[in-house]
C-alpha atoms as a PDB file:
ATOM      1  CA  MET A   1       0.000   0.000   0.000  1.00  0.00           C
ATOM      2  CA  GLY A   2       1.323   3.424  -0.956  1.00  0.00           C
ATOM      3  CA  GLN A   3       1.853   6.200   1.531  1.00  0.00           C
ATOM      4  CA  ARG A   4      -1.372   7.942   2.512  1.00  0.00           C
ATOM      5  CA  ARG A   5      -1.614  11.582   1.523  1.00  0.00           C
ATOM      6  CA  LEU A   6      -3.356  13.017   4.563  1.00  0.00           C
ATOM      7  CA  PRO A   7      -4.117  16.614   5.491  1.00  0.00           C
ATOM      8  CA  PRO A   8      -2.632  17.886   8.779  1.00  0.00           C
ATOM      9  CA  LEU A   9      -4.652  15.968  11.396  1.00  0.00           C
ATOM     10  CA  ASN A  10      -4.568  18.667  14.077  1.00  0.00           C
ATOM     11  CA  ALA A  11      -6.064  21.010  11.512  1.00  0.00           C
ATOM     12  CA  VAL A  12      -8.737  18.440  10.651  1.00  0.00           C
ATOM     13  CA  ARG A  13      -9.679  18.190  14.335  1.00  0.00           C
ATOM     14  CA  ALA A  14      -9.921  21.975  14.657  1.00  0.00           C
ATOM     15  CA  PHE A  15     -11.969  22.226  11.463  1.00  0.00           C
ATOM     16  CA  GLU A  16     -14.372  19.490  12.571  1.00  0.00           C
ATOM     17  CA  ALA A  17     -14.985  21.187  15.938  1.00  0.00           C
ATOM     18  CA  ALA A  18     -15.555  24.542  14.217  1.00  0.00           C
ATOM     19  CA  SER A  19     -17.980  22.926  11.772  1.00  0.00           C
ATOM     20  CA  ARG A  20     -20.119  21.655  14.677  1.00  0.00           C
ATOM     21  CA  HIS A  21     -20.050  24.852  16.721  1.00  0.00           C
ATOM     22  CA  ALA A  22     -20.126  27.312  13.800  1.00  0.00           C
ATOM     23  CA  THR A  23     -17.697  29.544  15.713  1.00  0.00           C
ATOM     24  CA  PHE A  24     -13.949  29.379  16.257  1.00  0.00           C
ATOM     25  CA  GLN A  25     -14.467  30.574  19.825  1.00  0.00           C
ATOM     26  CA  GLU A  26     -16.588  27.601  20.930  1.00  0.00           C
ATOM     27  CA  ALA A  27     -14.399  25.181  18.974  1.00  0.00           C
ATOM     28  CA  GLY A  28     -11.387  26.533  20.843  1.00  0.00           C
ATOM     29  CA  GLU A  29     -13.160  26.092  24.190  1.00  0.00           C
ATOM     30  CA  GLU A  30     -13.848  22.446  23.342  1.00  0.00           C
ATOM     31  CA  LEU A  31     -10.237  21.827  22.310  1.00  0.00           C
ATOM     32  CA  GLY A  32      -8.648  23.895  25.060  1.00  0.00           C
ATOM     33  CA  VAL A  33      -7.027  26.422  22.718  1.00  0.00           C
ATOM     34  CA  SER A  34      -7.756  29.996  21.649  1.00  0.00           C
ATOM     35  CA  ALA A  35     -10.114  30.980  18.867  1.00  0.00           C
ATOM     36  CA  GLY A  36      -7.079  32.365  17.021  1.00  0.00           C
ATOM     37  CA  ALA A  37      -5.355  28.971  17.173  1.00  0.00           C
ATOM     38  CA  VAL A  38      -8.437  27.322  15.652  1.00  0.00           C
ATOM     39  CA  ALA A  39      -8.529  29.964  12.931  1.00  0.00           C
ATOM     40  CA  GLN A  40      -4.870  29.317  12.100  1.00  0.00           C
ATOM     41  CA  GLN A  41      -5.454  25.555  11.885  1.00  0.00           C
ATOM     42  CA  VAL A  42      -8.455  26.047   9.606  1.00  0.00           C
ATOM     43  CA  LYS A  43      -6.443  28.454   7.442  1.00  0.00           C
ATOM     44  CA  ALA A  44      -3.690  25.832   7.126  1.00  0.00           C
ATOM     45  CA  LEU A  45      -6.244  23.198   6.095  1.00  0.00           C
ATOM     46  CA  GLU A  46      -7.774  25.528   3.509  1.00  0.00           C
ATOM     47  CA  ALA A  47      -4.279  26.157   2.133  1.00  0.00           C
ATOM     48  CA  TRP A  48      -3.664  22.396   1.923  1.00  0.00           C
ATOM     49  CA  PHE A  49      -6.882  21.950  -0.088  1.00  0.00           C
ATOM     50  CA  GLY A  50      -6.454  25.169  -2.019  1.00  0.00           C
ATOM     51  CA  LEU A  51     -10.072  26.213  -1.458  1.00  0.00           C
ATOM     52  CA  PRO A  52     -12.188  27.821   1.286  1.00  0.00           C
ATOM     53  CA  LEU A  53     -14.007  25.575   3.758  1.00  0.00           C
ATOM     54  CA  PHE A  54     -15.849  28.338   5.657  1.00  0.00           C
ATOM     55  CA  ARG A  55     -17.403  31.706   4.963  1.00  0.00           C
ATOM     56  CA  ARG A  56     -16.542  34.098   7.801  1.00  0.00           C
ATOM     57  CA  LEU A  57     -19.504  36.108   9.094  1.00  0.00           C
ATOM     58  CA  PRO A  58     -19.449  39.657  10.547  1.00  0.00           C
ATOM     59  CA  SER A  59     -20.896  38.219  13.789  1.00  0.00           C
ATOM     60  CA  ARG A  60     -17.696  36.146  14.211  1.00  0.00           C
ATOM     61  CA  GLY A  61     -19.543  32.988  13.283  1.00  0.00           C
ATOM     62  CA  VAL A  62     -18.678  30.792  10.322  1.00  0.00           C
ATOM     63  CA  VAL A  63     -20.734  28.933   7.713  1.00  0.00           C
ATOM     64  CA  LEU A  64     -19.514  25.898   5.801  1.00  0.00           C
ATOM     65  CA  THR A  65     -19.013  26.216   2.075  1.00  0.00           C
ATOM     66  CA  PRO A  66     -20.356  23.318  -0.053  1.00  0.00           C
ATOM     67  CA  ALA A  67     -16.860  21.814  -0.119  1.00  0.00           C
ATOM     68  CA  GLY A  68     -16.513  22.351   3.630  1.00  0.00           C
ATOM     69  CA  ALA A  69     -19.844  20.617   4.289  1.00  0.00           C
ATOM     70  CA  ARG A  70     -18.715  17.536   2.349  1.00  0.00           C
ATOM     71  CA  PHE A  71     -15.427  17.352   4.210  1.00  0.00           C
ATOM     72  CA  ALA A  72     -17.062  18.034   7.590  1.00  0.00           C
ATOM     73  CA  GLU A  73     -19.258  14.950   7.191  1.00  0.00           C
ATOM     74  CA  ALA A  74     -16.246  12.778   6.315  1.00  0.00           C
ATOM     75  CA  ALA A  75     -14.105  14.260   9.092  1.00  0.00           C
ATOM     76  CA  GLY A  76     -16.845  13.753  11.688  1.00  0.00           C
ATOM     77  CA  SER A  77     -17.249  10.095  10.737  1.00  0.00           C
ATOM     78  CA  LEU A  78     -13.489   9.591  10.831  1.00  0.00           C
ATOM     79  CA  LEU A  79     -13.055  11.142  14.279  1.00  0.00           C
ATOM     80  CA  ASP A  80     -16.110   9.301  15.644  1.00  0.00           C
ATOM     81  CA  GLY A  81     -14.571   6.030  14.487  1.00  0.00           C
ATOM     82  CA  VAL A  82     -11.216   6.803  16.076  1.00  0.00           C
ATOM     83  CA  ALA A  83     -12.909   7.827  19.332  1.00  0.00           C
ATOM     84  CA  ALA A  84     -15.023   4.654  19.401  1.00  0.00           C
ATOM     85  CA  ALA A  85     -12.010   2.418  18.785  1.00  0.00           C
ATOM     86  CA  ALA A  86      -9.996   4.205  21.470  1.00  0.00           C
ATOM     87  CA  THR A  87     -12.852   3.959  23.983  1.00  0.00           C
ATOM     88  CA  ALA A  88     -13.359   0.249  23.342  1.00  0.00           C
ATOM     89  CA  LEU A  89      -9.640  -0.468  23.601  1.00  0.00           C
ATOM     90  CA  ARG A  90      -9.300   1.578  26.788  1.00  0.00           C
ATOM     91  CA  ARG A  91     -12.287  -0.191  28.309  1.00  0.00           C
ATOM     92  CA  ARG A  92     -11.017  -3.685  27.584  1.00  0.00           C
ATOM     93  CA  SER A  93      -7.314  -3.134  28.189  1.00  0.00           C
ATOM     94  CA  ASP A  94      -7.560  -2.354  31.928  1.00  0.00           C
ATOM     95  CA  ASP A  95      -8.281  -5.580  33.796  1.00  0.00           C
ATOM     96  CA  THR A  96      -8.060  -3.878  37.203  1.00  0.00           C
ATOM     97  CA  VAL A  97     -10.977  -1.420  36.873  1.00  0.00           C
ATOM     98  CA  LEU A  98     -14.649  -2.292  36.326  1.00  0.00           C
ATOM     99  CA  THR A  99     -16.767   0.660  35.179  1.00  0.00           C
ATOM    100  CA  VAL A 100     -20.513   0.260  35.683  1.00  0.00           C
ATOM    101  CA  ASN A 101     -22.859   2.810  34.135  1.00  0.00           C
ATOM    102  CA  THR A 102     -26.321   2.992  35.688  1.00  0.00           C
ATOM    103  CA  THR A 103     -29.125   5.360  36.648  1.00  0.00           C
ATOM    104  CA  HIS A 104     -28.915   7.716  39.618  1.00  0.00           C
ATOM    105  CA  SER A 105     -31.632   6.068  41.678  1.00  0.00           C
ATOM    106  CA  PHE A 106     -30.570   2.473  40.990  1.00  0.00           C
ATOM    107  CA  ALA A 107     -27.026   3.386  42.012  1.00  0.00           C
ATOM    108  CA  ALA A 108     -28.145   5.129  45.204  1.00  0.00           C
ATOM    109  CA  LEU A 109     -30.882   2.737  46.318  1.00  0.00           C
ATOM    110  CA  TRP A 110     -29.807  -0.731  45.128  1.00  0.00           C
ATOM    111  CA  LEU A 111     -26.276  -1.004  43.766  1.00  0.00           C
ATOM    112  CA  ILE A 112     -24.182   1.051  46.201  1.00  0.00           C
ATOM    113  CA  PRO A 113     -25.586  -0.611  49.345  1.00  0.00           C
ATOM    114  CA  ARG A 114     -24.569  -4.001  47.879  1.00  0.00           C
ATOM    115  CA  ILE A 115     -21.390  -3.261  45.924  1.00  0.00           C
ATOM    116  CA  GLY A 116     -19.172  -3.690  48.981  1.00  0.00           C
ATOM    117  CA  GLY A 117     -19.847  -7.423  48.800  1.00  0.00           C
ATOM    118  CA  PHE A 118     -18.580  -7.561  45.232  1.00  0.00           C
ATOM    119  CA  ARG A 119     -15.462  -5.609  46.173  1.00  0.00           C
ATOM    120  CA  ASP A 120     -14.796  -7.929  49.111  1.00  0.00           C
ATOM    121  CA  ALA A 121     -15.060 -10.951  46.812  1.00  0.00           C
ATOM    122  CA  ASN A 122     -12.953  -9.303  44.079  1.00  0.00           C
ATOM    123  CA  PRO A 123     -10.192  -7.328  45.830  1.00  0.00           C
ATOM    124  CA  ASP A 124      -8.164  -7.182  42.604  1.00  0.00           C
ATOM    125  CA  LEU A 125     -10.842  -5.026  40.938  1.00  0.00           C
ATOM    126  CA  ASP A 126     -11.463  -1.329  41.541  1.00  0.00           C
ATOM    127  CA  VAL A 127     -15.128  -0.518  40.874  1.00  0.00           C
ATOM    128  CA  ARG A 128     -16.104   2.766  39.226  1.00  0.00           C
ATOM    129  CA  ILE A 129     -19.821   3.629  39.219  1.00  0.00           C
ATOM    130  CA  VAL A 130     -20.974   6.282  36.735  1.00  0.00           C
ATOM    131  CA  ALA A 131     -24.560   7.526  37.097  1.00  0.00           C
ATOM    132  CA  ASN A 132     -26.619   9.005  34.282  1.00  0.00           C
ATOM    133  CA  ASN A 133     -29.995   8.238  32.707  1.00  0.00           C
ATOM    134  CA  ARG A 134     -28.974   8.238  29.047  1.00  0.00           C
ATOM    135  CA  LEU A 135     -29.113   5.178  26.834  1.00  0.00           C
ATOM    136  CA  ILE A 136     -25.630   3.704  26.937  1.00  0.00           C
ATOM    137  CA  ASP A 137     -23.364   4.053  23.900  1.00  0.00           C
ATOM    138  CA  PHE A 138     -20.386   1.759  24.480  1.00  0.00           C
ATOM    139  CA  GLY A 139     -18.658   3.249  21.456  1.00  0.00           C
ATOM    140  CA  ARG A 140     -18.456   6.659  23.139  1.00  0.00           C
ATOM    141  CA  GLU A 141     -18.450   5.888  26.865  1.00  0.00           C
ATOM    142  CA  ALA A 142     -15.692   4.090  28.755  1.00  0.00           C
ATOM    143  CA  ALA A 143     -18.064   1.665  30.495  1.00  0.00           C
ATOM    144  CA  ASP A 144     -17.729  -2.098  30.751  1.00  0.00           C
ATOM    145  CA  CYS A 145     -21.424  -2.689  31.391  1.00  0.00           C
ATOM    146  CA  ALA A 146     -24.620  -0.873  32.269  1.00  0.00           C
ATOM    147  CA  ILE A 147     -27.838  -1.371  34.202  1.00  0.00           C
ATOM    148  CA  ARG A 148     -30.877   0.285  32.690  1.00  0.00           C
ATOM    149  CA  HIS A 149     -34.555   0.730  33.579  1.00  0.00           C
ATOM    150  CA  GLY A 150     -36.925   0.221  30.690  1.00  0.00           C
ATOM    151  CA  LYS A 151     -38.581  -2.350  28.475  1.00  0.00           C
ATOM    152  CA  GLY A 152     -35.432  -3.975  27.102  1.00  0.00           C
ATOM    153  CA  GLY A 153     -34.762  -4.837  23.488  1.00  0.00           C
ATOM    154  CA  TYR A 154     -31.997  -2.237  23.082  1.00  0.00           C
ATOM    155  CA  ALA A 155     -30.342  -2.311  19.664  1.00  0.00           C
ATOM    156  CA  GLY A 156     -26.663  -3.123  19.170  1.00  0.00           C
ATOM    157  CA  VAL A 157     -26.013  -4.464  22.685  1.00  0.00           C
ATOM    158  CA  ARG A 158     -26.612  -7.598  24.741  1.00  0.00           C
ATOM    159  CA  THR A 159     -29.589  -7.094  27.059  1.00  0.00           C
ATOM    160  CA  GLU A 160     -30.470  -9.424  29.935  1.00  0.00           C
ATOM    161  CA  LEU A 161     -33.371  -9.206  32.363  1.00  0.00           C
ATOM    162  CA  LEU A 162     -32.118  -8.461  35.869  1.00  0.00           C
ATOM    163  CA  LEU A 163     -35.068  -7.475  38.090  1.00  0.00           C
ATOM    164  CA  ARG A 164     -38.803  -7.077  37.626  1.00  0.00           C
ATOM    165  CA  ASP A 165     -40.601  -4.686  39.934  1.00  0.00           C
ATOM    166  CA  VAL A 166     -43.856  -3.710  41.655  1.00  0.00           C
ATOM    167  CA  VAL A 167     -45.029  -0.256  42.805  1.00  0.00           C
ATOM    168  CA  PHE A 168     -46.575   0.594  46.200  1.00  0.00           C
ATOM    169  CA  PRO A 169     -47.085   3.626  48.475  1.00  0.00           C
ATOM    170  CA  VAL A 170     -44.709   4.405  51.350  1.00  0.00           C
ATOM    171  CA  CYS A 171     -44.643   7.028  54.078  1.00  0.00           C
ATOM    172  CA  SER A 172     -43.148   7.715  57.479  1.00  0.00           C
ATOM    173  CA  PRO A 173     -44.754   5.815  60.391  1.00  0.00           C
ATOM    174  CA  ARG A 174     -45.639   9.076  62.129  1.00  0.00           C
ATOM    175  CA  LEU A 175     -47.597  10.139  59.045  1.00  0.00           C
ATOM    176  CA  ARG A 176     -49.379   6.783  58.912  1.00  0.00           C
ATOM    177  CA  ASP A 177     -50.315   6.971  62.606  1.00  0.00           C
ATOM    178  CA  GLY A 178     -50.963  10.704  62.803  1.00  0.00           C
ATOM    179  CA  THR A 179     -54.011  12.871  62.220  1.00  0.00           C
ATOM    180  CA  PRO A 180     -55.563  12.384  59.746  1.00  0.00           C
ATOM    181  CA  PRO A 181     -54.560   8.699  59.769  1.00  0.00           C
ATOM    182  CA  LEU A 182     -53.376   6.748  56.745  1.00  0.00           C
ATOM    183  CA  ARG A 183     -54.740   3.233  57.007  1.00  0.00           C
ATOM    184  CA  ARG A 184     -57.015   2.845  53.963  1.00  0.00           C
ATOM    185  CA  LEU A 185     -56.799   3.869  50.313  1.00  0.00           C
ATOM    186  CA  GLU A 186     -59.494   6.507  50.844  1.00  0.00           C
ATOM    187  CA  ASP A 187     -57.259   8.222  53.419  1.00  0.00           C
ATOM    188  CA  LEU A 188     -54.864   9.271  50.618  1.00  0.00           C
ATOM    189  CA  ALA A 189     -57.310  12.077  49.778  1.00  0.00           C
ATOM    190  CA  GLN A 190     -56.294  13.772  53.050  1.00  0.00           C
ATOM    191  CA  HIS A 191     -52.536  13.546  52.475  1.00  0.00           C
ATOM    192  CA  THR A 192     -49.883  15.133  50.270  1.00  0.00           C
ATOM    193  CA  LEU A 193     -48.823  12.976  47.333  1.00  0.00           C
ATOM    194  CA  LEU A 194     -45.140  13.094  46.341  1.00  0.00           C
ATOM    195  CA  HIS A 195     -44.371  12.684  42.643  1.00  0.00           C
ATOM    196  CA  ASP A 196     -41.448  11.167  40.735  1.00  0.00           C
ATOM    197  CA  ASP A 197     -41.047  13.036  37.447  1.00  0.00           C
ATOM    198  CA  ASP A 198     -38.077  11.458  35.674  1.00  0.00           C
ATOM    199  CA  PRO A 199     -38.450  12.671  32.050  1.00  0.00           C
ATOM    200  CA  LEU A 200     -36.914   9.444  30.736  1.00  0.00           C
ATOM    201  CA  ASP A 201     -39.636   7.334  32.380  1.00  0.00           C
ATOM    202  CA  ALA A 202     -42.633   8.697  30.490  1.00  0.00           C
ATOM    203  CA  ASP A 203     -44.503   5.378  30.841  1.00  0.00           C
ATOM    204  CA  MET A 204     -43.744   4.865  34.528  1.00  0.00           C
ATOM    205  CA  VAL A 205     -46.482   4.133  37.050  1.00  0.00           C
ATOM    206  CA  GLY A 206     -47.310   7.482  38.666  1.00  0.00           C
ATOM    207  CA  TRP A 207     -50.049   8.245  41.123  1.00  0.00           C
ATOM    208  CA  ARG A 208     -52.744   8.550  38.449  1.00  0.00           C
ATOM    209  CA  GLU A 209     -51.905   5.146  36.976  1.00  0.00           C
ATOM    210  CA  TRP A 210     -51.468   3.524  40.374  1.00  0.00           C
ATOM    211  CA  LEU A 211     -54.783   4.767  41.766  1.00  0.00           C
ATOM    212  CA  ALA A 212     -56.638   3.694  38.629  1.00  0.00           C
ATOM    213  CA  ALA A 213     -55.038   0.237  38.786  1.00  0.00           C
ATOM    214  CA  VAL A 214     -56.123  -0.355  42.400  1.00  0.00           C
ATOM    215  CA  GLY A 215     -59.655   0.960  41.845  1.00  0.00           C
ATOM    216  CA  ALA A 216     -59.377   4.374  43.516  1.00  0.00           C
ATOM    217  CA  PRO A 217     -59.563   6.849  40.605  1.00  0.00           C
ATOM    218  CA  GLY A 218     -61.531   9.501  42.512  1.00  0.00           C
ATOM    219  CA  ILE A 219     -58.538  10.715  44.534  1.00  0.00           C
ATOM    220  CA  GLY A 220     -56.814  13.813  43.077  1.00  0.00           C
ATOM    221  CA  ALA A 221     -53.583  12.428  41.654  1.00  0.00           C
ATOM    222  CA  GLN A 222     -51.926  15.620  40.372  1.00  0.00           C
ATOM    223  CA  ARG A 223     -51.530  17.553  43.636  1.00  0.00           C
ATOM    224  CA  GLY A 224     -48.286  17.631  45.570  1.00  0.00           C
ATOM    225  CA  PRO A 225     -44.585  18.398  44.968  1.00  0.00           C
ATOM    226  CA  THR A 226     -42.513  16.792  42.225  1.00  0.00           C
ATOM    227  CA  PHE A 227     -38.924  15.467  42.229  1.00  0.00           C
ATOM    228  CA  THR A 228     -36.731  14.387  39.331  1.00  0.00           C
ATOM    229  CA  HIS A 229     -35.289  11.219  40.909  1.00  0.00           C
ATOM    230  CA  THR A 230     -36.799   8.396  42.934  1.00  0.00           C
ATOM    231  CA  PHE A 231     -34.233   8.704  45.715  1.00  0.00           C
ATOM    232  CA  MET A 232     -35.316  12.338  46.232  1.00  0.00           C
ATOM    233  CA  VAL A 233     -38.983  11.351  46.504  1.00  0.00           C
ATOM    234  CA  LEU A 234     -38.152   8.686  49.085  1.00  0.00           C
ATOM    235  CA  GLN A 235     -36.077  11.120  51.117  1.00  0.00           C
ATOM    236  CA  ALA A 236     -39.074  13.450  51.257  1.00  0.00           C
ATOM    237  CA  ALA A 237     -41.343  10.570  52.309  1.00  0.00           C
ATOM    238  CA  THR A 238     -38.926   9.485  55.040  1.00  0.00           C
ATOM    239  CA  ALA A 239     -38.919  13.079  56.306  1.00  0.00           C
ATOM    240  CA  GLY A 240     -42.705  12.930  56.714  1.00  0.00           C
ATOM    241  CA  GLN A 241     -43.485  15.327  53.845  1.00  0.00           C
ATOM    242  CA  GLY A 242     -46.082  13.098  52.187  1.00  0.00           C
ATOM    243  CA  VAL A 243     -46.784   9.736  50.585  1.00  0.00           C
ATOM    244  CA  ALA A 244     -44.513   8.467  47.793  1.00  0.00           C
ATOM    245  CA  LEU A 245     -44.628   5.594  45.345  1.00  0.00           C
ATOM    246  CA  ALA A 246     -41.710   3.228  45.864  1.00  0.00           C
ATOM    247  CA  THR A 247     -40.818  -0.062  44.229  1.00  0.00           C
ATOM    248  CA  ARG A 248     -39.397  -3.303  45.518  1.00  0.00           C
ATOM    249  CA  VAL A 249     -36.076  -2.479  43.831  1.00  0.00           C
ATOM    250  CA  LEU A 250     -36.022   1.280  44.401  1.00  0.00           C
ATOM    251  CA  GLY A 251     -37.081   1.603  47.998  1.00  0.00           C
ATOM    252  CA  GLY A 252     -37.551  -1.911  49.307  1.00  0.00           C
ATOM    253  CA  ASP A 253     -34.264  -1.744  51.219  1.00  0.00           C
ATOM    254  CA  LEU A 254     -35.392   1.454  52.963  1.00  0.00           C
ATOM    255  CA  LEU A 255     -38.493  -0.056  54.567  1.00  0.00           C
ATOM    256  CA  ASP A 256     -38.125   0.068  58.322  1.00  0.00           C
ATOM    257  CA  PRO A 257     -40.665   0.261  61.179  1.00  0.00           C
ATOM    258  CA  VAL A 258     -39.165   3.517  62.474  1.00  0.00           C
ATOM    259  CA  SER A 259     -38.489   5.430  59.234  1.00  0.00           C
ATOM    260  CA  LEU A 260     -40.398   4.234  56.146  1.00  0.00           C
ATOM    261  CA  VAL A 261     -43.406   1.909  55.987  1.00  0.00           C
ATOM    262  CA  ARG A 262     -46.082   0.637  53.628  1.00  0.00           C
ATOM    263  CA  PRO A 263     -49.407   2.004  54.941  1.00  0.00           C
ATOM    264  CA  PHE A 264     -51.386  -0.647  53.054  1.00  0.00           C
ATOM    265  CA  ALA A 265     -50.696  -3.785  51.026  1.00  0.00           C
ATOM    266  CA  GLU A 266     -51.939  -2.812  47.549  1.00  0.00           C
ATOM    267  CA  GLU A 267     -49.269  -2.908  44.820  1.00  0.00           C
ATOM    268  CA  VAL A 268     -49.161  -2.664  41.020  1.00  0.00           C
ATOM    269  CA  PRO A 269     -46.743  -4.431  38.632  1.00  0.00           C
ATOM    270  CA  SER A 270     -44.342  -2.034  36.922  1.00  0.00           C
ATOM    271  CA  PRO A 271     -44.307  -2.042  33.096  1.00  0.00           C
ATOM    272  CA  TYR A 272     -40.549  -1.484  33.323  1.00  0.00           C
ATOM    273  CA  ALA A 273     -37.785  -3.797  34.508  1.00  0.00           C
ATOM    274  CA  PHE A 274     -34.058  -3.486  35.182  1.00  0.00           C
ATOM    275  CA  PHE A 275     -31.721  -4.890  32.535  1.00  0.00           C
ATOM    276  CA  PHE A 276     -28.038  -5.745  32.498  1.00  0.00           C
ATOM    277  CA  VAL A 277     -26.524  -4.342  29.302  1.00  0.00           C
ATOM    278  CA  THR A 278     -23.118  -5.170  27.788  1.00  0.00           C
ATOM    279  CA  PRO A 279     -21.382  -4.658  24.435  1.00  0.00           C
ATOM    280  CA  ASP A 280     -22.371  -7.211  21.813  1.00  0.00           C
ATOM    281  CA  GLU A 281     -19.108  -9.117  22.154  1.00  0.00           C
ATOM    282  CA  PRO A 282     -17.606 -11.785  24.459  1.00  0.00           C
ATOM    283  CA  ASP A 283     -17.305 -10.691  28.077  1.00  0.00           C
ATOM    284  CA  PRO A 284     -13.879  -9.966  29.543  1.00  0.00           C
ATOM    285  CA  PRO A 285     -13.377 -11.860  32.831  1.00  0.00           C
ATOM    286  CA  LYS A 286     -14.157  -8.838  35.016  1.00  0.00           C
ATOM    287  CA  VAL A 287     -17.596  -8.423  33.418  1.00  0.00           C
ATOM    288  CA  ALA A 288     -18.297 -12.159  33.698  1.00  0.00           C
ATOM    289  CA  ARG A 289     -17.523 -11.964  37.422  1.00  0.00           C
ATOM    290  CA  PHE A 290     -19.811  -8.960  37.859  1.00  0.00           C
ATOM    291  CA  ARG A 291     -22.609 -10.709  35.949  1.00  0.00           C
ATOM    292  CA  ALA A 292     -22.331 -13.730  38.241  1.00  0.00           C
ATOM    293  CA  TRP A 293     -22.479 -11.490  41.300  1.00  0.00           C
ATOM    294  CA  LEU A 294     -25.566  -9.675  39.960  1.00  0.00           C
ATOM    295  CA  HIS A 295     -27.144 -13.087  39.320  1.00  0.00           C
ATOM    296  CA  ALA A 296     -26.745 -13.931  43.010  1.00  0.00           C
ATOM    297  CA  GLN A 297     -27.950 -10.529  44.218  1.00  0.00           C
ATOM    298  CA  ALA A 298     -31.024 -10.569  41.985  1.00  0.00           C
ATOM    299  CA  GLY A 299     -31.951 -14.014  43.324  1.00  0.00           C
ATOM    300  CA  ALA A 300     -32.748 -15.462  39.924  1.00  0.00           C
ATOM    301  CA  PRO A 301     -30.821 -16.327  36.755  1.00  0.00           C
ATOM    302  CA  LEU A 302     -30.337 -13.552  34.238  1.00  0.00           C
ATOM    303  CA  SER A 303     -32.415 -14.535  31.236  1.00  0.00           C
ATOM    304  CA  PRO A 304     -31.807 -13.108  27.752  1.00  0.00           C
ATOM    305  CA  GLN A 305     -34.542 -10.789  26.480  1.00  0.00           C
END
């Protein structure tokens, strides 16, 4: 194979950033250099091609020329591919660190209270837990595996059922036993309802769905404060601020006669479950060990979905 005739790659990187931001200033902030340095790199690339790639605007912005637009698409794909390969190699090359990507509430309420057992059984592994609610992209994120809440069937990855769930009300014991009391479903009409409003869980069981499912649709389901994560809602309930909806997975460990109780037995199956998600490739040993540990913690075999 003959020698590749490539443009200056630092200039390509600067050009690609400028093409996305449409300003040299923001491209420089992304790359950690000045706007002038980006402009010089772009000028060098234009000289290499012998044609303009941007039109400079009086507002200090830039607009791609037709030639620049064609090259920006190719450059973006090239850099995305390099980044994906580097991320995958970095993820698999370190056998001493296991990075688990999961949601905020699952990390706080289920995984972190248990992860000490995995660390005790695997002292050679350092565990790194990263919390966010986005769909995982193993090509861009340095994660070995993920745990997600949803309906499964995610494209391009291996997805295994981890935990199914049910939804039920919880409150502090002093709220349950206070005035007005909270002993029957009808009593909810006299109490503040706490709401979980995670925008990524549009189909979750909220108060309206829960009350309809248990045959109590006449209670006003929209009143009360709203929180963006389940662990926040449960903190408010523990503090006696109202009645929250918890689940066996997200909240079951918090049930205690002196802090958080179920005022009645009614519960509703959740349409969502928790899934263990990995790249669509053979597991490295550290991920296989973590999968086996999750299997034991979940109390049932992980079954492919």
